């Protein structure tokens, strides 16, 4: 993930080494990419919560069988 310099901000954070190592292992990328991915997940958490509230309330115009056949 490359971002132009004018759209980035350099930060300094202190994180427990065990947490960082676990996150790096899970992401398979470097520290910067791992931190960016984690921040994106935090930013998206509000959207996820909203979607969970909609569970069972959304009506689709196509059935599951139609969606599966359309693959």
Protein backbone atom coordinates (compact mmCIF):
# COMPACT_ATOMS: atom_id res chain seq x y z
CA UNK A 1 0.00 0.00 0.00
CA UNK A 2 1.72 3.15 -1.19
CA UNK A 3 0.33 6.55 -0.31
CA UNK A 4 1.57 9.94 -1.45
CA UNK A 5 3.54 11.79 1.21
CA UNK A 6 1.09 14.69 1.43
CA UNK A 7 -1.71 12.30 2.42
CA UNK A 8 0.18 10.57 5.21
CA UNK A 9 1.11 11.44 8.75
CA UNK A 10 4.06 10.05 10.62
CA UNK A 11 3.17 8.80 14.10
CA UNK A 12 5.03 7.23 16.97
CA UNK A 13 3.26 4.55 18.95
CA UNK A 14 4.27 2.19 21.69
CA UNK A 15 2.71 -1.25 21.52
CA UNK A 16 3.41 -4.42 23.45
CA UNK A 17 5.97 -6.49 21.54
CA UNK A 18 3.87 -9.65 21.75
CA UNK A 19 0.87 -7.87 20.18
CA UNK A 20 3.02 -6.43 17.39
CA UNK A 21 4.65 -9.77 16.62
CA UNK A 22 1.27 -11.52 16.54
CA UNK A 23 -0.16 -8.85 14.22
CA UNK A 24 2.89 -8.97 11.93
CA UNK A 25 2.62 -12.74 11.73
CA UNK A 26 -1.08 -12.57 10.92
CA UNK A 27 -0.68 -9.89 8.25
CA UNK A 28 2.49 -11.22 6.66
CA UNK A 29 3.55 -7.65 5.91
CA UNK A 30 5.70 -4.97 7.51
CA UNK A 31 4.98 -2.76 10.50
CA UNK A 32 3.57 0.17 8.49
CA UNK A 33 1.24 -2.01 6.44
CA UNK A 34 0.11 -3.90 9.54
CA UNK A 35 -0.66 -0.70 11.46
CA UNK A 36 -2.54 0.73 8.45
CA UNK A 37 -4.63 -2.44 8.15
CA UNK A 38 -5.43 -2.34 11.86
CA UNK A 39 -6.47 1.31 11.70
CA UNK A 40 -8.70 0.58 8.70
CA UNK A 41 -10.43 -2.18 10.69
CA UNK A 42 -11.01 0.18 13.61
CA UNK A 43 -12.38 2.84 11.24
CA UNK A 44 -14.74 0.27 9.66
CA UNK A 45 -16.01 -1.08 12.97
CA UNK A 46 -18.88 1.45 13.06
CA UNK A 47 -20.07 0.23 9.68
CA UNK A 48 -19.85 -3.39 10.84
CA UNK A 49 -21.94 -2.56 13.91
CA UNK A 50 -24.57 -0.89 11.71
CA UNK A 51 -24.71 -3.92 9.42
CA UNK A 52 -25.14 -6.25 12.41
CA UNK A 53 -28.14 -4.18 13.53
CA UNK A 54 -29.74 -4.75 10.11
CA UNK A 55 -29.52 -8.52 10.43
CA UNK A 56 -32.81 -10.06 9.35
CA UNK A 57 -34.33 -6.74 8.28
CA UNK A 58 -33.09 -6.51 4.70
CA UNK A 59 -35.20 -7.97 1.91
CA UNK A 60 -33.40 -9.07 -1.24
CA UNK A 61 -35.00 -9.06 -4.68
CA UNK A 62 -33.31 -12.37 -5.56
CA UNK A 63 -33.35 -15.68 -3.73
CA UNK A 64 -30.24 -17.48 -2.54
CA UNK A 65 -30.77 -20.08 -5.28
CA UNK A 66 -30.86 -17.35 -7.95
CA UNK A 67 -27.68 -15.79 -6.61
CA UNK A 68 -25.94 -19.17 -6.54
CA UNK A 69 -27.02 -19.95 -10.12
CA UNK A 70 -25.71 -16.57 -11.25
CA UNK A 71 -22.11 -17.38 -10.28
